[in-house]
Each structure stands twice: as structure tokens, then as C-alpha cells.
Amino acid sequence: MSKLITPYYIRAIHQWAVDNGLTPHVLVDVRQEGVRVPAGYDSDGEIVLNVHPQAVADLDLGDDWLFFHARFSGKSCAIEIPVTAVRAIFARENGEGMSFTIAEPVESGKASTEIPGRPPGGDNGPGKPPSLRVIK
């Protein structure tokens, strides 16, 4: 998922969940640089956070960062999450939402033109050139 598109999906699914009386949650990779969450609440390097407007204060779902205040064991904590650390946003009640994958960095000058999930060479199979035909 492109970093440029991800924040729009996060905001859209968050709004959809709230509009439908659901509780939006985000799954965050706490190992990513810049993530600021209270220590000891993660499991296997991930944490699930309730981001419903009634559960957090000062919620800001920006293009690059998610900022808000949440309570952990009764203590208010400032939460800072780079958008690139968000692995999923979903509704607690039904699990509906979207997950995001980490884009692997492309080495300079070695960009791939292949489409993930498709065999090399297009739909015609490996090594066969793509074919086009006019449909009238």
C-alpha cells in the first residue's frame, strides 16, 4: 500500500466505523521508527488501539502521523504513530476493515515492472509476449 494512499484509507474506514456505530481499532507495529506508545502493552511487537472518538482525546489522523491521547491503567498518555507503522484498521465488532503491508525498498535502478500476483510476461504465461486484439 502506498504511503500516499494509506492515510486516506485509515480516515475513511475510521469514519465508516464511527458512522455505523462501530468501534475502530488500529493494529500498530511498535518496532517501527517513531512509534510512541506506552511500554509493556504490546504483544509480539504489535499493539491494538481503540481509536473511537469517545475513547481518545485530540485525535488527529494526519497524512503522515496519527496523534491522540489515550488512557492506560488510568494514566493519560500521548500516542504518536507514523502512518507507515499502521498494519490494519478495523471495526472491533465485526472485524471489517483493511490491512496494510510493508513495501519493500527497491534498490536504485532495479525497479520491477512485474505486477504482484501475476506470472512474469503478463496473462499469457511466462515468456510469452502480451497479445492485444480489437473488440468491435
N, C-alpha and C. Protein backbone atom coordinates (compact mmCIF):
# COMPACT_ATOMS: atom_id res chain seq x y z
N MET A 1 0.85 -1.17 0.00
CA MET A 1 0.00 0.00 0.00
C MET A 1 0.90 1.23 0.00
N SER A 2 0.61 2.15 -0.86
CA SER A 2 1.40 3.36 -0.95
C SER A 2 1.22 4.21 0.29
N LYS A 3 2.31 4.82 0.71
CA LYS A 3 2.25 5.72 1.86
C LYS A 3 1.29 6.88 1.56
N LEU A 4 1.18 7.27 0.31
CA LEU A 4 0.33 8.40 -0.04
C LEU A 4 -1.16 8.04 0.05
N ILE A 5 -1.51 6.79 -0.16
CA ILE A 5 -2.91 6.37 -0.15
C ILE A 5 -3.36 5.92 1.23
N THR A 6 -2.48 5.29 1.99
CA THR A 6 -2.83 4.72 3.29
C THR A 6 -3.57 5.67 4.22
N PRO A 7 -3.14 6.93 4.40
CA PRO A 7 -3.87 7.78 5.35
C PRO A 7 -5.32 8.03 4.94
N TYR A 8 -5.60 8.03 3.65
CA TYR A 8 -6.97 8.21 3.19
C TYR A 8 -7.83 7.01 3.55
N TYR A 9 -7.26 5.82 3.40
CA TYR A 9 -7.98 4.60 3.80
C TYR A 9 -8.21 4.58 5.31
N ILE A 10 -7.21 4.97 6.06
CA ILE A 10 -7.35 4.99 7.52
C ILE A 10 -8.49 5.93 7.92
N ARG A 11 -8.50 7.12 7.36
CA ARG A 11 -9.56 8.09 7.70
C ARG A 11 -10.93 7.59 7.24
N ALA A 12 -10.99 7.01 6.05
CA ALA A 12 -12.28 6.54 5.50
C ALA A 12 -12.85 5.40 6.34
N ILE A 13 -12.04 4.43 6.69
CA ILE A 13 -12.54 3.29 7.47
C ILE A 13 -12.87 3.74 8.89
N HIS A 14 -12.09 4.65 9.43
CA HIS A 14 -12.40 5.20 10.76
C HIS A 14 -13.77 5.87 10.73
N GLN A 15 -14.01 6.70 9.74
CA GLN A 15 -15.29 7.41 9.64
C GLN A 15 -16.43 6.45 9.40
N TRP A 16 -16.23 5.46 8.53
CA TRP A 16 -17.25 4.44 8.27
C TRP A 16 -17.64 3.73 9.56
N ALA A 17 -16.65 3.32 10.34
CA ALA A 17 -16.92 2.61 11.59
C ALA A 17 -17.72 3.48 12.55
N VAL A 18 -17.28 4.70 12.75
CA VAL A 18 -17.97 5.61 13.68
C VAL A 18 -19.39 5.89 13.20
N ASP A 19 -19.55 6.15 11.90
CA ASP A 19 -20.88 6.43 11.35
C ASP A 19 -21.85 5.27 11.52
N ASN A 20 -21.32 4.05 11.59
CA ASN A 20 -22.16 2.86 11.71
C ASN A 20 -22.23 2.31 13.13
N GLY A 21 -21.82 3.13 14.09
CA GLY A 21 -21.91 2.74 15.49
C GLY A 21 -20.93 1.65 15.89
N LEU A 22 -19.83 1.53 15.15
CA LEU A 22 -18.81 0.52 15.43
C LEU A 22 -17.60 1.17 16.10
N THR A 23 -16.70 0.35 16.61
CA THR A 23 -15.53 0.84 17.33
C THR A 23 -14.26 0.60 16.51
N PRO A 24 -13.70 1.67 15.92
CA PRO A 24 -12.50 1.49 15.11
C PRO A 24 -11.27 1.21 15.98
N HIS A 25 -10.48 0.24 15.54
CA HIS A 25 -9.22 -0.10 16.19
C HIS A 25 -8.12 -0.09 15.14
N VAL A 26 -6.89 0.24 15.56
CA VAL A 26 -5.74 0.15 14.67
C VAL A 26 -4.75 -0.86 15.24
N LEU A 27 -4.16 -1.63 14.34
CA LEU A 27 -3.09 -2.55 14.69
C LEU A 27 -1.80 -1.86 14.29
N VAL A 28 -0.88 -1.71 15.25
CA VAL A 28 0.34 -0.93 15.03
C VAL A 28 1.57 -1.80 15.27
N ASP A 29 2.55 -1.68 14.39
CA ASP A 29 3.86 -2.32 14.58
C ASP A 29 4.70 -1.38 15.43
N VAL A 30 4.88 -1.71 16.71
CA VAL A 30 5.59 -0.82 17.63
C VAL A 30 7.10 -0.80 17.38
N ARG A 31 7.60 -1.69 16.53
CA ARG A 31 9.03 -1.73 16.23
C ARG A 31 9.43 -0.69 15.20
N GLN A 32 8.45 -0.09 14.55
CA GLN A 32 8.75 0.91 13.53
C GLN A 32 9.28 2.19 14.18
N GLU A 33 10.18 2.84 13.48
CA GLU A 33 10.78 4.08 13.98
C GLU A 33 9.70 5.15 14.18
N GLY A 34 9.75 5.82 15.30
CA GLY A 34 8.85 6.94 15.58
C GLY A 34 7.60 6.57 16.36
N VAL A 35 7.31 5.28 16.54
CA VAL A 35 6.11 4.88 17.27
C VAL A 35 6.30 5.21 18.75
N ARG A 36 5.31 5.90 19.30
CA ARG A 36 5.36 6.27 20.72
C ARG A 36 4.07 5.79 21.37
N VAL A 37 4.16 4.65 22.06
CA VAL A 37 3.06 4.07 22.83
C VAL A 37 3.63 3.63 24.17
N PRO A 38 2.79 3.48 25.19
CA PRO A 38 3.31 3.05 26.49
C PRO A 38 3.95 1.66 26.42
N ALA A 39 5.08 1.53 27.08
CA ALA A 39 5.80 0.25 27.10
C ALA A 39 5.00 -0.79 27.88
N GLY A 40 5.13 -2.02 27.46
CA GLY A 40 4.53 -3.13 28.18
C GLY A 40 3.12 -3.49 27.76
N TYR A 41 2.53 -2.77 26.84
CA TYR A 41 1.17 -3.07 26.39
C TYR A 41 1.15 -3.77 25.04
N ASP A 42 2.32 -3.96 24.44
CA ASP A 42 2.38 -4.62 23.14
C ASP A 42 2.53 -6.12 23.31
N SER A 43 2.26 -6.83 22.24
CA SER A 43 2.41 -8.28 22.22
C SER A 43 3.08 -8.64 20.90
N ASP A 44 4.23 -9.27 20.97
CA ASP A 44 4.99 -9.65 19.78
C ASP A 44 5.25 -8.47 18.86
N GLY A 45 5.52 -7.31 19.43
CA GLY A 45 5.86 -6.14 18.63
C GLY A 45 4.68 -5.42 18.02
N GLU A 46 3.46 -5.79 18.42
CA GLU A 46 2.27 -5.14 17.90
C GLU A 46 1.35 -4.72 19.05
N ILE A 47 0.56 -3.71 18.78
CA ILE A 47 -0.43 -3.26 19.76
C ILE A 47 -1.70 -2.89 19.02
N VAL A 48 -2.84 -3.22 19.62
CA VAL A 48 -4.14 -2.85 19.05
C VAL A 48 -4.68 -1.71 19.91
N LEU A 49 -5.05 -0.61 19.26
CA LEU A 49 -5.53 0.57 19.97
C LEU A 49 -6.93 0.96 19.52
N ASN A 50 -7.77 1.25 20.47
CA ASN A 50 -9.11 1.75 20.22
C ASN A 50 -8.99 3.22 19.85
N VAL A 51 -9.46 3.60 18.66
CA VAL A 51 -9.36 4.99 18.22
C VAL A 51 -10.75 5.62 18.02
N HIS A 52 -11.72 5.12 18.76
CA HIS A 52 -13.05 5.72 18.70
C HIS A 52 -12.97 7.10 19.36
N PRO A 53 -13.66 8.10 18.82
CA PRO A 53 -13.61 9.44 19.40
C PRO A 53 -13.98 9.50 20.88
N GLN A 54 -14.79 8.57 21.37
CA GLN A 54 -15.14 8.57 22.78
C GLN A 54 -14.06 7.91 23.64
N ALA A 55 -13.11 7.22 23.02
CA ALA A 55 -12.07 6.53 23.77
C ALA A 55 -10.75 7.30 23.82
N VAL A 56 -10.60 8.28 22.92
CA VAL A 56 -9.36 9.04 22.85
C VAL A 56 -9.66 10.54 22.87
N ALA A 57 -8.62 11.32 23.11
CA ALA A 57 -8.74 12.78 23.08
C ALA A 57 -7.78 13.32 22.03
N ASP A 58 -8.15 14.44 21.45
CA ASP A 58 -7.29 15.15 20.50
C ASP A 58 -6.87 14.28 19.32
N LEU A 59 -7.78 13.48 18.80
CA LEU A 59 -7.47 12.57 17.69
C LEU A 59 -7.16 13.36 16.42
N ASP A 60 -5.99 13.05 15.83
CA ASP A 60 -5.57 13.68 14.58
C ASP A 60 -5.07 12.57 13.66
N LEU A 61 -5.86 12.25 12.64
CA LEU A 61 -5.50 11.24 11.65
C LEU A 61 -4.90 11.96 10.45
N GLY A 62 -3.64 12.30 10.54
CA GLY A 62 -2.98 13.08 9.51
C GLY A 62 -2.45 12.25 8.35
N ASP A 63 -1.81 12.93 7.42
CA ASP A 63 -1.26 12.26 6.25
C ASP A 63 -0.02 11.43 6.58
N ASP A 64 0.74 11.85 7.59
CA ASP A 64 1.97 11.15 7.94
C ASP A 64 1.95 10.53 9.33
N TRP A 65 1.11 11.06 10.22
CA TRP A 65 1.10 10.63 11.62
C TRP A 65 -0.32 10.51 12.15
N LEU A 66 -0.49 9.62 13.14
CA LEU A 66 -1.71 9.55 13.95
C LEU A 66 -1.30 10.04 15.34
N PHE A 67 -1.99 11.04 15.84
CA PHE A 67 -1.73 11.58 17.17
C PHE A 67 -3.02 11.51 17.98
N PHE A 68 -2.92 11.14 19.25
CA PHE A 68 -4.05 11.21 20.16
C PHE A 68 -3.57 10.94 21.59
N HIS A 69 -4.46 11.19 22.52
CA HIS A 69 -4.20 10.86 23.92
C HIS A 69 -5.16 9.73 24.30
N ALA A 70 -4.62 8.73 25.00
CA ALA A 70 -5.41 7.60 25.45
C ALA A 70 -5.02 7.27 26.89
N ARG A 71 -5.91 6.59 27.57
CA ARG A 71 -5.65 6.22 28.96
C ARG A 71 -5.19 4.77 29.03
N PHE A 72 -4.11 4.56 29.77
CA PHE A 72 -3.57 3.24 30.03
C PHE A 72 -3.43 3.12 31.54
N SER A 73 -4.14 2.17 32.13
CA SER A 73 -4.16 1.98 33.59
C SER A 73 -4.50 3.29 34.30
N GLY A 74 -5.44 4.05 33.71
CA GLY A 74 -5.91 5.29 34.32
C GLY A 74 -5.04 6.50 34.09
N LYS A 75 -3.91 6.34 33.40
CA LYS A 75 -3.00 7.45 33.16
C LYS A 75 -3.07 7.87 31.69
N SER A 76 -3.24 9.17 31.44
CA SER A 76 -3.30 9.70 30.07
C SER A 76 -1.91 9.66 29.45
N CYS A 77 -1.85 9.15 28.22
CA CYS A 77 -0.58 9.04 27.50
C CYS A 77 -0.73 9.63 26.11
N ALA A 78 0.30 10.33 25.66
CA ALA A 78 0.34 10.84 24.30
C ALA A 78 0.79 9.70 23.39
N ILE A 79 0.02 9.47 22.34
CA ILE A 79 0.32 8.40 21.38
C ILE A 79 0.71 9.05 20.05
N GLU A 80 1.81 8.59 19.50
CA GLU A 80 2.28 9.07 18.20
C GLU A 80 2.61 7.85 17.34
N ILE A 81 1.98 7.79 16.17
CA ILE A 81 2.16 6.63 15.29
C ILE A 81 2.37 7.12 13.86
N PRO A 82 3.53 6.82 13.26
CA PRO A 82 3.67 7.13 11.83
C PRO A 82 2.70 6.26 11.03
N VAL A 83 2.12 6.80 10.00
CA VAL A 83 1.17 6.05 9.17
C VAL A 83 1.80 4.76 8.66
N THR A 84 3.08 4.77 8.41
CA THR A 84 3.77 3.58 7.91
C THR A 84 3.81 2.44 8.93
N ALA A 85 3.53 2.72 10.20
CA ALA A 85 3.53 1.68 11.24
C ALA A 85 2.15 1.06 11.43
N VAL A 86 1.13 1.62 10.79
CA VAL A 86 -0.23 1.07 10.91
C VAL A 86 -0.33 -0.15 10.01
N ARG A 87 -0.64 -1.30 10.60
CA ARG A 87 -0.75 -2.55 9.85
C ARG A 87 -2.19 -2.85 9.46
N ALA A 88 -3.16 -2.30 10.22
CA ALA A 88 -4.57 -2.53 9.89
C ALA A 88 -5.42 -1.53 10.65
N ILE A 89 -6.62 -1.29 10.10
CA ILE A 89 -7.67 -0.56 10.80
C ILE A 89 -8.94 -1.36 10.57
N PHE A 90 -9.67 -1.59 11.65
CA PHE A 90 -10.84 -2.47 11.55
C PHE A 90 -11.84 -2.14 12.64
N ALA A 91 -13.06 -2.61 12.46
CA ALA A 91 -14.11 -2.45 13.46
C ALA A 91 -14.04 -3.63 14.43
N ARG A 92 -14.00 -3.35 15.72
CA ARG A 92 -13.90 -4.40 16.73
C ARG A 92 -15.06 -5.39 16.64
N GLU A 93 -16.25 -4.89 16.38
CA GLU A 93 -17.45 -5.71 16.43
C GLU A 93 -17.53 -6.77 15.35
N ASN A 94 -17.04 -6.46 14.15
CA ASN A 94 -17.18 -7.42 13.05
C ASN A 94 -15.88 -7.74 12.31
N GLY A 95 -14.79 -7.08 12.67
CA GLY A 95 -13.51 -7.33 12.03
C GLY A 95 -13.35 -6.74 10.65
N GLU A 96 -14.39 -6.05 10.17
CA GLU A 96 -14.32 -5.44 8.84
C GLU A 96 -13.33 -4.29 8.86
N GLY A 97 -12.55 -4.16 7.80
CA GLY A 97 -11.58 -3.08 7.70
C GLY A 97 -10.59 -3.35 6.61
N MET A 98 -9.35 -2.92 6.84
CA MET A 98 -8.32 -3.07 5.81
C MET A 98 -6.97 -3.27 6.49
N SER A 99 -6.16 -4.14 5.90
CA SER A 99 -4.80 -4.32 6.40
C SER A 99 -3.83 -3.73 5.38
N PHE A 100 -2.66 -3.39 5.86
CA PHE A 100 -1.64 -2.77 5.02
C PHE A 100 -0.36 -3.58 5.13
N THR A 101 0.40 -3.65 4.05
CA THR A 101 1.66 -4.38 4.05
C THR A 101 2.82 -3.41 3.98
N ILE A 102 3.96 -3.90 4.41
CA ILE A 102 5.18 -3.09 4.35
C ILE A 102 5.72 -3.21 2.94
N ALA A 103 5.93 -2.07 2.30
CA ALA A 103 6.52 -2.08 0.97
C ALA A 103 8.02 -2.27 1.11
N GLU A 104 8.55 -3.25 0.39
CA GLU A 104 9.99 -3.50 0.42
C GLU A 104 10.68 -2.40 -0.38
N PRO A 105 11.80 -1.86 0.15
CA PRO A 105 12.51 -0.83 -0.61
C PRO A 105 13.07 -1.40 -1.90
N VAL A 106 13.00 -0.62 -2.97
CA VAL A 106 13.52 -1.04 -4.27
C VAL A 106 14.91 -0.47 -4.41
N GLU A 107 15.87 -1.33 -4.80
CA GLU A 107 17.23 -0.87 -4.99
C GLU A 107 17.25 0.11 -6.16
N SER A 108 18.09 1.11 -6.05
CA SER A 108 18.20 2.13 -7.08
C SER A 108 18.50 1.51 -8.43
N GLY A 109 17.70 1.85 -9.44
CA GLY A 109 17.90 1.37 -10.79
C GLY A 109 17.38 -0.04 -11.04
N LYS A 110 16.73 -0.66 -10.05
CA LYS A 110 16.25 -2.03 -10.22
C LYS A 110 14.76 -2.12 -9.93
N ALA A 111 14.00 -1.17 -10.38
CA ALA A 111 12.56 -1.19 -10.15
C ALA A 111 11.92 -2.31 -10.96
N SER A 112 10.99 -3.00 -10.35
CA SER A 112 10.31 -4.11 -11.02
C SER A 112 9.12 -3.58 -11.80
N THR A 113 8.93 -4.16 -12.98
CA THR A 113 7.76 -3.80 -13.77
C THR A 113 6.69 -4.88 -13.69
N GLU A 114 6.97 -5.94 -12.93
CA GLU A 114 6.02 -7.03 -12.79
C GLU A 114 4.91 -6.65 -11.82
N ILE A 115 3.74 -7.17 -12.05
CA ILE A 115 2.59 -6.94 -11.18
C ILE A 115 2.54 -8.08 -10.18
N PRO A 116 2.51 -7.75 -8.86
CA PRO A 116 2.46 -8.83 -7.86
C PRO A 116 1.24 -9.72 -8.09
N GLY A 117 1.45 -11.03 -7.94
CA GLY A 117 0.36 -11.99 -8.10
C GLY A 117 0.12 -12.43 -9.53
N ARG A 118 0.82 -11.83 -10.47
CA ARG A 118 0.69 -12.22 -11.88
C ARG A 118 1.97 -12.89 -12.34
N PRO A 119 1.87 -13.87 -13.21
CA PRO A 119 3.09 -14.51 -13.70
C PRO A 119 3.89 -13.54 -14.56
N PRO A 120 5.24 -13.68 -14.59
CA PRO A 120 6.03 -12.82 -15.46
C PRO A 120 5.58 -12.97 -16.90
N GLY A 121 5.58 -11.88 -17.63
CA GLY A 121 5.20 -11.92 -19.03
C GLY A 121 3.72 -11.68 -19.27
N GLY A 122 2.99 -11.28 -18.27
CA GLY A 122 1.57 -10.97 -18.44
C GLY A 122 0.69 -12.17 -18.24
N ASP A 123 -0.54 -12.08 -18.73
CA ASP A 123 -1.53 -13.12 -18.54
C ASP A 123 -1.31 -14.32 -19.47
N ASN A 124 -0.46 -14.18 -20.45
CA ASN A 124 -0.26 -15.24 -21.44
C ASN A 124 0.69 -16.32 -20.96
N GLY A 125 1.25 -16.16 -19.78
CA GLY A 125 2.19 -17.15 -19.26
C GLY A 125 3.61 -16.65 -19.36
N PRO A 126 4.52 -17.34 -18.68
CA PRO A 126 5.92 -16.90 -18.66
C PRO A 126 6.55 -16.92 -20.05
N GLY A 127 7.23 -15.86 -20.38
CA GLY A 127 7.98 -15.79 -21.63
C GLY A 127 7.17 -15.46 -22.85
N LYS A 128 5.84 -15.44 -22.78
CA LYS A 128 5.02 -15.14 -23.94
C LYS A 128 4.70 -13.64 -23.93
N PRO A 129 4.81 -12.99 -25.09
CA PRO A 129 4.50 -11.56 -25.15
C PRO A 129 3.01 -11.33 -24.98
N PRO A 130 2.64 -10.19 -24.42
CA PRO A 130 1.22 -9.90 -24.29
C PRO A 130 0.57 -9.76 -25.67
N SER A 131 -0.67 -10.14 -25.76
CA SER A 131 -1.39 -10.01 -27.03
C SER A 131 -2.56 -9.08 -26.84
N LEU A 132 -2.80 -8.25 -27.84
CA LEU A 132 -3.91 -7.32 -27.84
C LEU A 132 -4.77 -7.61 -29.05
N ARG A 133 -6.07 -7.41 -28.89
CA ARG A 133 -6.95 -7.56 -30.03
C ARG A 133 -8.05 -6.48 -29.96
N VAL A 134 -8.51 -6.10 -31.12
CA VAL A 134 -9.54 -5.07 -31.23
C VAL A 134 -10.91 -5.74 -31.02
N ILE A 135 -11.69 -5.17 -30.16
CA ILE A 135 -13.03 -5.67 -29.93
C ILE A 135 -14.01 -4.65 -30.47
N LYS A 136 -14.87 -5.09 -31.38
CA LYS A 136 -15.82 -4.16 -32.00
C LYS A 136 -17.20 -4.37 -31.46
